[in-house]
Amino acid sequence: MKDYPNVDAYLADSDQWPDEIAAIRPILLSCGLDETIKWGKPCYYIEDDHNVVLFQEFSDHLALMFFQGVLLEDPENVLHAQGPNTHGPKRMRFTSTADIESLAEVIEAYVREAIHHARSGTELPPRPDEQLAPELQERLASDDGLAEAFNKLTPGRQREYNLHISDAKQTETRNRRIDNVVSRILRGKGLRDR
């Protein structure tokens, strides 16, 4: 990931969607957002470093990702989930400056709603209940120390372990994955923590 000092430097180096980013940028700035580079991408935020939107360049489209997109009403039905396991973020997709011109008022309205939620501290709705993988349930039920350590993890870390384990198709693979992460859980570490 290349580090850029600012959005102008990012745009000067972009060869995928610079015109589309340049077309959306004034809309974001007119809403009162500040801009910076985070995770190697143009990111727009409000005071106290509350992220609102981020540009994501893909080969076939430009995405404007709303960090708390799940809170937006989306009457125009233009927001898309990032993937099956994401909860809060949603994004708008663009393939041309004409897309942006036709949706300029919608972009502004959605950004202003996102800013409102960020300033208000609106909480994300709870995730739909997800069941733990049966093998993980059994292991936690039979090992009090592991259960205690697992319950001390943040909900996101618990979920990441569950997704990692339950993603395996076979029981023996799920059990092997549990065996491989027990020591990390007992140390209070997330699946990807160092």
N, C-alpha and C. Protein backbone atom coordinates (compact mmCIF):
# COMPACT_ATOMS: atom_id res chain seq x y z
N MET A 1 0.86 -1.18 0.00
CA MET A 1 0.00 0.00 0.00
C MET A 1 0.89 1.23 0.00
N LYS A 2 0.69 2.07 -0.96
CA LYS A 2 1.49 3.29 -1.09
C LYS A 2 0.92 4.36 -0.17
N ASP A 3 1.81 5.12 0.44
CA ASP A 3 1.38 6.19 1.33
C ASP A 3 1.46 7.52 0.57
N TYR A 4 0.39 8.29 0.68
CA TYR A 4 0.32 9.59 0.00
C TYR A 4 0.21 10.68 1.06
N PRO A 5 0.83 11.84 0.83
CA PRO A 5 0.75 12.91 1.82
C PRO A 5 -0.63 13.57 1.87
N ASN A 6 -1.37 13.50 0.73
CA ASN A 6 -2.68 14.14 0.69
C ASN A 6 -3.47 13.60 -0.51
N VAL A 7 -4.71 14.03 -0.62
CA VAL A 7 -5.58 13.54 -1.69
C VAL A 7 -5.10 14.02 -3.06
N ASP A 8 -4.55 15.22 -3.15
CA ASP A 8 -4.03 15.69 -4.44
C ASP A 8 -2.93 14.76 -4.96
N ALA A 9 -2.04 14.33 -4.09
CA ALA A 9 -0.97 13.41 -4.49
C ALA A 9 -1.56 12.06 -4.90
N TYR A 10 -2.58 11.62 -4.19
CA TYR A 10 -3.26 10.36 -4.54
C TYR A 10 -3.85 10.46 -5.95
N LEU A 11 -4.58 11.55 -6.21
CA LEU A 11 -5.21 11.73 -7.52
C LEU A 11 -4.18 11.81 -8.65
N ALA A 12 -3.05 12.46 -8.37
CA ALA A 12 -2.00 12.59 -9.39
C ALA A 12 -1.44 11.22 -9.76
N ASP A 13 -1.52 10.27 -8.85
CA ASP A 13 -0.97 8.93 -9.08
C ASP A 13 -2.03 7.93 -9.53
N SER A 14 -3.29 8.29 -9.45
CA SER A 14 -4.37 7.37 -9.78
C SER A 14 -4.55 7.25 -11.29
N ASP A 15 -4.63 6.01 -11.76
CA ASP A 15 -4.88 5.84 -13.19
C ASP A 15 -6.19 5.08 -13.45
N GLN A 16 -6.92 4.74 -12.39
CA GLN A 16 -8.18 4.01 -12.58
C GLN A 16 -9.38 4.95 -12.65
N TRP A 17 -9.61 5.73 -11.60
CA TRP A 17 -10.83 6.54 -11.50
C TRP A 17 -10.56 7.98 -11.04
N PRO A 18 -9.50 8.64 -11.51
CA PRO A 18 -9.21 9.99 -11.02
C PRO A 18 -10.30 11.01 -11.37
N ASP A 19 -10.89 10.90 -12.55
CA ASP A 19 -11.91 11.87 -12.94
C ASP A 19 -13.17 11.70 -12.09
N GLU A 20 -13.50 10.45 -11.77
CA GLU A 20 -14.69 10.19 -10.96
C GLU A 20 -14.47 10.66 -9.52
N ILE A 21 -13.28 10.41 -8.98
CA ILE A 21 -12.98 10.90 -7.63
C ILE A 21 -13.02 12.43 -7.62
N ALA A 22 -12.43 13.03 -8.64
CA ALA A 22 -12.42 14.50 -8.73
C ALA A 22 -13.83 15.05 -8.84
N ALA A 23 -14.75 14.29 -9.42
CA ALA A 23 -16.14 14.76 -9.54
C ALA A 23 -16.90 14.66 -8.22
N ILE A 24 -16.57 13.68 -7.41
CA ILE A 24 -17.26 13.50 -6.11
C ILE A 24 -16.64 14.37 -5.03
N ARG A 25 -15.36 14.58 -5.11
CA ARG A 25 -14.62 15.31 -4.07
C ARG A 25 -15.25 16.64 -3.68
N PRO A 26 -15.65 17.52 -4.62
CA PRO A 26 -16.25 18.79 -4.22
C PRO A 26 -17.57 18.62 -3.46
N ILE A 27 -18.31 17.56 -3.78
CA ILE A 27 -19.56 17.30 -3.06
C ILE A 27 -19.25 17.01 -1.60
N LEU A 28 -18.24 16.18 -1.37
CA LEU A 28 -17.87 15.80 0.00
C LEU A 28 -17.36 17.02 0.78
N LEU A 29 -16.53 17.81 0.13
CA LEU A 29 -15.98 18.98 0.81
C LEU A 29 -17.05 20.02 1.07
N SER A 30 -18.04 20.14 0.17
CA SER A 30 -19.11 21.12 0.39
C SER A 30 -20.01 20.73 1.56
N CYS A 31 -19.97 19.47 1.94
CA CYS A 31 -20.75 19.01 3.10
C CYS A 31 -20.02 19.27 4.41
N GLY A 32 -18.81 19.81 4.33
CA GLY A 32 -18.06 20.14 5.54
C GLY A 32 -17.13 19.04 6.02
N LEU A 33 -16.88 18.05 5.18
CA LEU A 33 -15.97 16.98 5.58
C LEU A 33 -14.52 17.42 5.39
N ASP A 34 -13.65 16.91 6.23
CA ASP A 34 -12.22 17.08 6.06
C ASP A 34 -11.70 15.85 5.33
N GLU A 35 -10.59 15.99 4.63
CA GLU A 35 -10.04 14.86 3.90
C GLU A 35 -8.63 14.54 4.35
N THR A 36 -8.31 13.26 4.24
CA THR A 36 -6.98 12.77 4.57
C THR A 36 -6.78 11.46 3.81
N ILE A 37 -5.63 10.86 4.00
CA ILE A 37 -5.37 9.53 3.45
C ILE A 37 -5.33 8.56 4.63
N LYS A 38 -6.16 7.54 4.57
CA LYS A 38 -6.15 6.46 5.56
C LYS A 38 -6.19 5.14 4.79
N TRP A 39 -5.42 4.19 5.26
CA TRP A 39 -5.36 2.88 4.60
C TRP A 39 -4.99 3.02 3.12
N GLY A 40 -4.23 4.09 2.81
CA GLY A 40 -3.78 4.31 1.45
C GLY A 40 -4.84 4.86 0.50
N LYS A 41 -5.98 5.31 1.06
CA LYS A 41 -7.10 5.78 0.23
C LYS A 41 -7.62 7.13 0.74
N PRO A 42 -8.24 7.93 -0.13
CA PRO A 42 -8.87 9.17 0.33
C PRO A 42 -10.02 8.86 1.29
N CYS A 43 -9.94 9.45 2.46
CA CYS A 43 -10.94 9.23 3.52
C CYS A 43 -11.46 10.59 3.96
N TYR A 44 -12.75 10.68 4.22
CA TYR A 44 -13.40 11.94 4.59
C TYR A 44 -14.05 11.76 5.95
N TYR A 45 -13.83 12.76 6.82
CA TYR A 45 -14.23 12.62 8.22
C TYR A 45 -14.72 13.95 8.77
N ILE A 46 -15.32 13.87 9.96
CA ILE A 46 -15.73 15.08 10.68
C ILE A 46 -14.87 15.19 11.93
N GLU A 47 -15.13 16.24 12.70
CA GLU A 47 -14.37 16.49 13.92
C GLU A 47 -14.26 15.22 14.77
N ASP A 48 -13.25 15.20 15.62
CA ASP A 48 -12.96 14.06 16.49
C ASP A 48 -12.66 12.80 15.69
N ASP A 49 -12.24 12.98 14.44
CA ASP A 49 -11.78 11.87 13.60
C ASP A 49 -12.83 10.78 13.38
N HIS A 50 -14.10 11.17 13.26
CA HIS A 50 -15.17 10.22 12.94
C HIS A 50 -15.21 10.05 11.42
N ASN A 51 -14.79 8.88 10.96
CA ASN A 51 -14.79 8.60 9.52
C ASN A 51 -16.22 8.55 9.00
N VAL A 52 -16.44 9.14 7.83
CA VAL A 52 -17.76 9.15 7.20
C VAL A 52 -17.75 8.33 5.91
N VAL A 53 -16.84 8.66 4.97
CA VAL A 53 -16.76 7.93 3.71
C VAL A 53 -15.30 7.72 3.29
N LEU A 54 -15.12 6.75 2.41
CA LEU A 54 -13.80 6.39 1.92
C LEU A 54 -13.94 5.97 0.45
N PHE A 55 -12.99 6.39 -0.39
CA PHE A 55 -12.99 5.93 -1.77
C PHE A 55 -12.31 4.57 -1.86
N GLN A 56 -12.87 3.70 -2.69
CA GLN A 56 -12.28 2.39 -2.97
C GLN A 56 -12.27 2.21 -4.48
N GLU A 57 -11.06 2.07 -5.05
CA GLU A 57 -10.94 1.89 -6.50
C GLU A 57 -10.84 0.41 -6.83
N PHE A 58 -11.75 -0.06 -7.67
CA PHE A 58 -11.74 -1.43 -8.16
C PHE A 58 -11.55 -1.39 -9.68
N SER A 59 -11.25 -2.52 -10.27
CA SER A 59 -10.99 -2.53 -11.72
C SER A 59 -12.24 -2.16 -12.53
N ASP A 60 -13.42 -2.54 -12.03
CA ASP A 60 -14.63 -2.29 -12.82
C ASP A 60 -15.53 -1.19 -12.27
N HIS A 61 -15.19 -0.61 -11.11
CA HIS A 61 -15.99 0.49 -10.58
C HIS A 61 -15.24 1.23 -9.48
N LEU A 62 -15.72 2.42 -9.21
CA LEU A 62 -15.27 3.22 -8.07
C LEU A 62 -16.34 3.11 -7.01
N ALA A 63 -15.95 2.87 -5.77
CA ALA A 63 -16.93 2.80 -4.69
C ALA A 63 -16.71 3.96 -3.72
N LEU A 64 -17.81 4.52 -3.27
CA LEU A 64 -17.81 5.48 -2.17
C LEU A 64 -18.40 4.73 -0.99
N MET A 65 -17.54 4.33 -0.06
CA MET A 65 -17.94 3.50 1.05
C MET A 65 -18.32 4.35 2.25
N PHE A 66 -19.55 4.15 2.73
CA PHE A 66 -20.05 4.81 3.93
C PHE A 66 -19.77 3.89 5.11
N PHE A 67 -18.99 4.38 6.07
CA PHE A 67 -18.61 3.55 7.20
C PHE A 67 -19.82 3.02 7.96
N GLN A 68 -20.86 3.85 8.09
CA GLN A 68 -22.08 3.43 8.79
C GLN A 68 -23.26 3.41 7.82
N GLY A 69 -23.02 2.87 6.65
CA GLY A 69 -24.03 2.85 5.60
C GLY A 69 -25.31 2.13 5.98
N VAL A 70 -25.21 1.17 6.88
CA VAL A 70 -26.41 0.43 7.29
C VAL A 70 -27.43 1.35 7.97
N LEU A 71 -26.99 2.50 8.46
CA LEU A 71 -27.90 3.45 9.11
C LEU A 71 -28.66 4.32 8.11
N LEU A 72 -28.18 4.39 6.88
CA LEU A 72 -28.79 5.29 5.90
C LEU A 72 -30.08 4.69 5.36
N GLU A 73 -31.05 5.57 5.11
CA GLU A 73 -32.37 5.10 4.67
C GLU A 73 -32.35 4.55 3.26
N ASP A 74 -31.56 5.09 2.36
CA ASP A 74 -31.40 4.63 0.99
C ASP A 74 -32.69 4.55 0.18
N PRO A 75 -33.45 5.66 0.09
CA PRO A 75 -34.68 5.62 -0.72
C PRO A 75 -34.42 5.41 -2.21
N GLU A 76 -33.20 5.72 -2.67
CA GLU A 76 -32.87 5.55 -4.08
C GLU A 76 -32.34 4.15 -4.39
N ASN A 77 -32.16 3.34 -3.34
CA ASN A 77 -31.69 1.96 -3.51
C ASN A 77 -30.36 1.89 -4.26
N VAL A 78 -29.40 2.72 -3.83
CA VAL A 78 -28.09 2.77 -4.49
C VAL A 78 -26.96 2.25 -3.61
N LEU A 79 -27.27 1.84 -2.39
CA LEU A 79 -26.23 1.33 -1.50
C LEU A 79 -26.17 -0.19 -1.59
N HIS A 80 -24.93 -0.69 -1.55
CA HIS A 80 -24.71 -2.13 -1.65
C HIS A 80 -23.86 -2.58 -0.47
N ALA A 81 -24.15 -3.76 0.05
CA ALA A 81 -23.34 -4.33 1.12
C ALA A 81 -21.95 -4.65 0.57
N GLN A 82 -20.96 -4.54 1.43
CA GLN A 82 -19.59 -4.83 1.01
C GLN A 82 -19.37 -6.31 0.80
N GLY A 83 -20.06 -7.12 1.54
CA GLY A 83 -19.90 -8.56 1.44
C GLY A 83 -20.83 -9.24 2.42
N PRO A 84 -20.89 -10.56 2.39
CA PRO A 84 -21.85 -11.27 3.24
C PRO A 84 -21.56 -11.16 4.72
N ASN A 85 -20.33 -10.84 5.10
CA ASN A 85 -19.99 -10.80 6.52
C ASN A 85 -19.78 -9.40 7.07
N THR A 86 -20.05 -8.38 6.26
CA THR A 86 -19.94 -7.01 6.77
C THR A 86 -21.28 -6.56 7.30
N HIS A 87 -21.24 -5.70 8.28
CA HIS A 87 -22.47 -5.28 8.95
C HIS A 87 -22.74 -3.80 8.72
N GLY A 88 -21.83 -2.93 9.09
CA GLY A 88 -22.07 -1.49 9.05
C GLY A 88 -21.84 -0.82 7.72
N PRO A 89 -20.71 -1.08 7.05
CA PRO A 89 -20.41 -0.36 5.81
C PRO A 89 -21.31 -0.75 4.64
N LYS A 90 -21.60 0.26 3.83
CA LYS A 90 -22.29 0.05 2.55
C LYS A 90 -21.67 1.02 1.57
N ARG A 91 -21.81 0.73 0.29
CA ARG A 91 -21.16 1.60 -0.67
C ARG A 91 -22.02 1.86 -1.90
N MET A 92 -21.74 3.02 -2.50
CA MET A 92 -22.31 3.40 -3.79
C MET A 92 -21.25 3.07 -4.84
N ARG A 93 -21.69 2.63 -6.02
CA ARG A 93 -20.76 2.26 -7.09
C ARG A 93 -20.95 3.19 -8.28
N PHE A 94 -19.81 3.54 -8.89
CA PHE A 94 -19.82 4.42 -10.05
C PHE A 94 -18.90 3.86 -11.13
N THR A 95 -19.28 4.05 -12.37
CA THR A 95 -18.43 3.62 -13.49
C THR A 95 -18.11 4.76 -14.45
N SER A 96 -18.64 5.96 -14.16
CA SER A 96 -18.37 7.10 -15.04
C SER A 96 -18.70 8.40 -14.31
N THR A 97 -18.20 9.49 -14.85
CA THR A 97 -18.56 10.79 -14.28
C THR A 97 -20.04 11.08 -14.54
N ALA A 98 -20.61 10.51 -15.60
CA ALA A 98 -22.04 10.69 -15.86
C ALA A 98 -22.87 10.09 -14.73
N ASP A 99 -22.43 8.94 -14.19
CA ASP A 99 -23.11 8.35 -13.02
C ASP A 99 -23.14 9.35 -11.87
N ILE A 100 -22.01 9.97 -11.66
CA ILE A 100 -21.86 10.90 -10.53
C ILE A 100 -22.72 12.14 -10.75
N GLU A 101 -22.69 12.68 -11.96
CA GLU A 101 -23.50 13.87 -12.26
C GLU A 101 -24.98 13.59 -12.04
N SER A 102 -25.44 12.40 -12.44
CA SER A 102 -26.86 12.09 -12.28
C SER A 102 -27.24 11.83 -10.83
N LEU A 103 -26.26 11.47 -10.00
CA LEU A 103 -26.54 11.16 -8.60
C LEU A 103 -25.99 12.21 -7.63
N ALA A 104 -25.57 13.35 -8.12
CA ALA A 104 -24.92 14.35 -7.27
C ALA A 104 -25.78 14.73 -6.07
N GLU A 105 -27.05 14.98 -6.28
CA GLU A 105 -27.93 15.36 -5.17
C GLU A 105 -28.13 14.20 -4.19
N VAL A 106 -28.18 13.01 -4.71
CA VAL A 106 -28.33 11.82 -3.85
C VAL A 106 -27.07 11.63 -3.02
N ILE A 107 -25.91 11.76 -3.65
CA ILE A 107 -24.65 11.64 -2.92
C ILE A 107 -24.63 12.64 -1.78
N GLU A 108 -24.94 13.89 -2.08
CA GLU A 108 -24.93 14.93 -1.04
C GLU A 108 -25.91 14.60 0.07
N ALA A 109 -27.12 14.19 -0.26
CA ALA A 109 -28.12 13.87 0.76
C ALA A 109 -27.66 12.71 1.65
N TYR A 110 -27.08 11.69 1.04
CA TYR A 110 -26.62 10.53 1.82
C TYR A 110 -25.44 10.91 2.71
N VAL A 111 -24.52 11.74 2.18
CA VAL A 111 -23.38 12.18 2.98
C VAL A 111 -23.86 13.01 4.17
N ARG A 112 -24.82 13.90 3.94
CA ARG A 112 -25.34 14.72 5.04
C ARG A 112 -26.03 13.85 6.10
N GLU A 113 -26.75 12.83 5.66
CA GLU A 113 -27.37 11.91 6.62
C GLU A 113 -26.29 11.15 7.39
N ALA A 114 -25.24 10.72 6.70
CA ALA A 114 -24.15 10.00 7.37
C ALA A 114 -23.45 10.91 8.39
N ILE A 115 -23.26 12.17 8.04
CA ILE A 115 -22.66 13.13 8.98
C ILE A 115 -23.55 13.28 10.21
N HIS A 116 -24.85 13.39 9.99
CA HIS A 116 -25.79 13.49 11.11
C HIS A 116 -25.64 12.31 12.06
N HIS A 117 -25.59 11.10 11.51
CA HIS A 117 -25.44 9.91 12.36
C HIS A 117 -24.11 9.92 13.10
N ALA A 118 -23.03 10.33 12.41
CA ALA A 118 -21.72 10.38 13.05
C ALA A 118 -21.70 11.38 14.19
N ARG A 119 -22.28 12.55 13.97
CA ARG A 119 -22.30 13.58 15.02
C ARG A 119 -23.21 13.19 16.19
N SER A 120 -24.30 12.50 15.87
CA SER A 120 -25.26 12.10 16.91
C SER A 120 -24.79 10.88 17.70
N GLY A 121 -23.77 10.21 17.18
CA GLY A 121 -23.31 9.00 17.85
C GLY A 121 -24.28 7.84 17.71
N THR A 122 -25.03 7.83 16.62
CA THR A 122 -26.01 6.77 16.40
C THR A 122 -25.30 5.42 16.41
N GLU A 123 -25.82 4.51 17.21
CA GLU A 123 -25.24 3.16 17.30
C GLU A 123 -25.72 2.32 16.13
N LEU A 124 -24.85 1.46 15.66
CA LEU A 124 -25.26 0.50 14.63
C LEU A 124 -26.28 -0.46 15.21
N PRO A 125 -27.24 -0.89 14.42
CA PRO A 125 -28.18 -1.89 14.94
C PRO A 125 -27.42 -3.17 15.23
N PRO A 126 -27.94 -3.98 16.15
CA PRO A 126 -27.23 -5.23 16.43
C PRO A 126 -27.22 -6.13 15.20
N ARG A 127 -26.19 -6.92 15.13
CA ARG A 127 -26.11 -7.91 14.05
C ARG A 127 -27.23 -8.93 14.25
N PRO A 128 -27.69 -9.48 13.16
CA PRO A 128 -28.62 -10.59 13.32
C PRO A 128 -27.92 -11.69 14.11
N ASP A 129 -28.66 -12.35 14.97
CA ASP A 129 -28.04 -13.40 15.79
C ASP A 129 -27.37 -14.43 14.91
N GLU A 130 -26.13 -14.69 15.25
CA GLU A 130 -25.39 -15.72 14.55
C GLU A 130 -25.11 -16.83 15.54
N GLN A 131 -25.35 -18.03 15.12
CA GLN A 131 -25.08 -19.18 15.95
C GLN A 131 -23.61 -19.53 15.86
N LEU A 132 -23.03 -19.89 17.00
CA LEU A 132 -21.67 -20.39 16.98
C LEU A 132 -21.65 -21.74 16.28
N ALA A 133 -20.55 -22.02 15.64
CA ALA A 133 -20.38 -23.34 15.02
C ALA A 133 -20.61 -24.40 16.10
N PRO A 134 -21.32 -25.47 15.79
CA PRO A 134 -21.62 -26.49 16.81
C PRO A 134 -20.36 -27.03 17.49
N GLU A 135 -19.29 -27.20 16.73
CA GLU A 135 -18.04 -27.70 17.31
C GLU A 135 -17.45 -26.70 18.30
N LEU A 136 -17.59 -25.42 18.00
CA LEU A 136 -17.10 -24.39 18.92
C LEU A 136 -17.98 -24.35 20.17
N GLN A 137 -19.28 -24.47 20.00
CA GLN A 137 -20.18 -24.53 21.16
C GLN A 137 -19.81 -25.69 22.07
N GLU A 138 -19.58 -26.86 21.49
CA GLU A 138 -19.21 -28.04 22.28
C GLU A 138 -17.91 -27.83 23.02
N ARG A 139 -16.91 -27.26 22.34
CA ARG A 139 -15.60 -27.06 22.97
C ARG A 139 -15.71 -26.07 24.12
N LEU A 140 -16.46 -24.99 23.92
CA LEU A 140 -16.62 -24.00 24.99
C LEU A 140 -17.38 -24.59 26.17
N ALA A 141 -18.37 -25.43 25.89
CA ALA A 141 -19.16 -26.06 26.96
C ALA A 141 -18.31 -27.04 27.78
N SER A 142 -17.30 -27.63 27.15
CA SER A 142 -16.49 -28.64 27.86
C SER A 142 -15.21 -28.08 28.46
N ASP A 143 -14.90 -26.81 28.22
CA ASP A 143 -13.65 -26.22 28.71
C ASP A 143 -13.95 -24.83 29.29
N ASP A 144 -14.10 -24.79 30.63
CA ASP A 144 -14.48 -23.54 31.29
C ASP A 144 -13.45 -22.42 31.06
N GLY A 145 -12.17 -22.76 31.08
CA GLY A 145 -11.14 -21.75 30.87
C GLY A 145 -11.21 -21.15 29.47
N LEU A 146 -11.43 -22.00 28.49
CA LEU A 146 -11.56 -21.52 27.12
C LEU A 146 -12.82 -20.67 26.96
N ALA A 147 -13.91 -21.12 27.57
CA ALA A 147 -15.16 -20.35 27.50
C ALA A 147 -14.99 -18.98 28.13
N GLU A 148 -14.32 -18.94 29.28
CA GLU A 148 -14.11 -17.65 29.95
C GLU A 148 -13.25 -16.72 29.09
N ALA A 149 -12.19 -17.26 28.51
CA ALA A 149 -11.31 -16.45 27.66
C ALA A 149 -12.06 -15.98 26.41
N PHE A 150 -12.86 -16.86 25.81
CA PHE A 150 -13.62 -16.51 24.61
C PHE A 150 -14.61 -15.40 24.92
N ASN A 151 -15.29 -15.50 26.06
CA ASN A 151 -16.29 -14.49 26.43
C ASN A 151 -15.68 -13.15 26.77
N LYS A 152 -14.39 -13.12 27.10
CA LYS A 152 -13.70 -11.85 27.38
C LYS A 152 -13.28 -11.13 26.10
N LEU A 153 -13.25 -11.86 24.98
CA LEU A 153 -12.89 -11.24 23.71
C LEU A 153 -13.98 -10.25 23.29
N THR A 154 -13.60 -9.27 22.48
CA THR A 154 -14.59 -8.34 21.94
C THR A 154 -15.56 -9.11 21.04
N PRO A 155 -16.77 -8.60 20.86
CA PRO A 155 -17.71 -9.28 19.97
C PRO A 155 -17.15 -9.48 18.56
N GLY A 156 -16.39 -8.51 18.07
CA GLY A 156 -15.80 -8.64 16.74
C GLY A 156 -14.80 -9.78 16.66
N ARG A 157 -13.99 -9.94 17.70
CA ARG A 157 -13.02 -11.04 17.71
C ARG A 157 -13.73 -12.38 17.83
N GLN A 158 -14.76 -12.44 18.67
CA GLN A 158 -15.53 -13.67 18.78
C GLN A 158 -16.13 -14.04 17.43
N ARG A 159 -16.68 -13.05 16.76
CA ARG A 159 -17.32 -13.29 15.46
C ARG A 159 -16.29 -13.75 14.43
N GLU A 160 -15.12 -13.13 14.44
CA GLU A 160 -14.11 -13.51 13.47
C GLU A 160 -13.67 -14.96 13.67
N TYR A 161 -13.50 -15.37 14.93
CA TYR A 161 -13.17 -16.77 15.19
C TYR A 161 -14.30 -17.68 14.71
N ASN A 162 -15.54 -17.31 15.02
CA ASN A 162 -16.66 -18.15 14.62
C ASN A 162 -16.75 -18.27 13.10
N LEU A 163 -16.57 -17.17 12.38
CA LEU A 163 -16.61 -17.22 10.92
C LEU A 163 -15.48 -18.10 10.37
N HIS A 164 -14.30 -17.96 10.95
CA HIS A 164 -13.15 -18.76 10.51
C HIS A 164 -13.43 -20.25 10.70
N ILE A 165 -14.00 -20.58 11.83
CA ILE A 165 -14.27 -21.99 12.14
C ILE A 165 -15.45 -22.51 11.33
N SER A 166 -16.55 -21.78 11.32
CA SER A 166 -17.77 -22.27 10.67
C SER A 166 -17.67 -22.27 9.15
N ASP A 167 -16.69 -21.56 8.60
CA ASP A 167 -16.52 -21.52 7.15
C ASP A 167 -16.05 -22.87 6.59
N ALA A 168 -15.45 -23.69 7.44
CA ALA A 168 -14.99 -25.01 6.98
C ALA A 168 -16.19 -25.91 6.72
N LYS A 169 -16.09 -26.70 5.69
CA LYS A 169 -17.21 -27.56 5.28
C LYS A 169 -17.34 -28.82 6.14
N GLN A 170 -16.21 -29.37 6.59
CA GLN A 170 -16.25 -30.64 7.30
C GLN A 170 -15.99 -30.45 8.79
N THR A 171 -16.62 -31.33 9.57
CA THR A 171 -16.48 -31.29 11.02
C THR A 171 -15.02 -31.41 11.44
N GLU A 172 -14.29 -32.32 10.83
CA GLU A 172 -12.89 -32.51 11.23
C GLU A 172 -12.07 -31.25 10.96
N THR A 173 -12.37 -30.54 9.89
CA THR A 173 -11.66 -29.30 9.59
C THR A 173 -12.03 -28.22 10.60
N ARG A 174 -13.31 -28.15 10.96
CA ARG A 174 -13.72 -27.16 11.97
C ARG A 174 -13.03 -27.45 13.31
N ASN A 175 -12.96 -28.74 13.69
CA ASN A 175 -12.27 -29.10 14.94
C ASN A 175 -10.79 -28.77 14.88
N ARG A 176 -10.16 -29.00 13.73
CA ARG A 176 -8.74 -28.68 13.57
C ARG A 176 -8.52 -27.17 13.68
N ARG A 177 -9.43 -26.39 13.10
CA ARG A 177 -9.31 -24.93 13.21
C ARG A 177 -9.45 -24.48 14.66
N ILE A 178 -10.34 -25.10 15.39
CA ILE A 178 -10.48 -24.76 16.82
C ILE A 178 -9.17 -25.07 17.53
N ASP A 179 -8.62 -26.27 17.30
CA ASP A 179 -7.35 -26.65 17.93
C ASP A 179 -6.26 -25.62 17.64
N ASN A 180 -6.25 -25.11 16.42
CA ASN A 180 -5.21 -24.16 16.01
C ASN A 180 -5.35 -22.78 16.65
N VAL A 181 -6.54 -22.42 17.14
CA VAL A 181 -6.72 -21.07 17.69
C VAL A 181 -6.90 -21.04 19.21
N VAL A 182 -6.97 -22.18 19.86
CA VAL A 182 -7.20 -22.22 21.31
C VAL A 182 -6.17 -21.38 22.05
N SER A 183 -4.89 -21.53 21.71
CA SER A 183 -3.84 -20.79 22.45
C SER A 183 -4.00 -19.28 22.25
N ARG A 184 -4.42 -18.86 21.08
CA ARG A 184 -4.62 -17.42 20.83
C ARG A 184 -5.78 -16.90 21.67
N ILE A 185 -6.86 -17.67 21.71
CA ILE A 185 -8.02 -17.26 22.50
C ILE A 185 -7.64 -17.16 23.97
N LEU A 186 -6.91 -18.14 24.47
CA LEU A 186 -6.51 -18.14 25.88
C LEU A 186 -5.61 -16.95 26.22
N ARG A 187 -4.87 -16.44 25.22
CA ARG A 187 -4.02 -15.25 25.43
C ARG A 187 -4.78 -13.95 25.21
N GLY A 188 -6.08 -14.05 24.86
CA GLY A 188 -6.88 -12.84 24.64
C GLY A 188 -6.65 -12.19 23.30
N LYS A 189 -6.10 -12.93 22.36
CA LYS A 189 -5.76 -12.40 21.03
C LYS A 189 -6.87 -12.69 20.03
N GLY A 190 -7.05 -11.78 19.10
CA GLY A 190 -7.94 -12.02 17.98
C GLY A 190 -7.26 -12.88 16.94
N LEU A 191 -8.01 -13.35 16.00
CA LEU A 191 -7.50 -14.25 14.97
C LEU A 191 -6.33 -13.63 14.21
N ARG A 192 -6.37 -12.34 13.95
CA ARG A 192 -5.32 -11.68 13.16
C ARG A 192 -4.39 -10.81 14.00
N ASP A 193 -4.56 -10.80 15.32
CA ASP A 193 -3.68 -10.01 16.18
C ASP A 193 -2.28 -10.60 16.17
N ARG A 194 -1.30 -9.73 16.38
CA ARG A 194 0.10 -10.21 16.45
C ARG A 194 0.43 -10.59 17.87
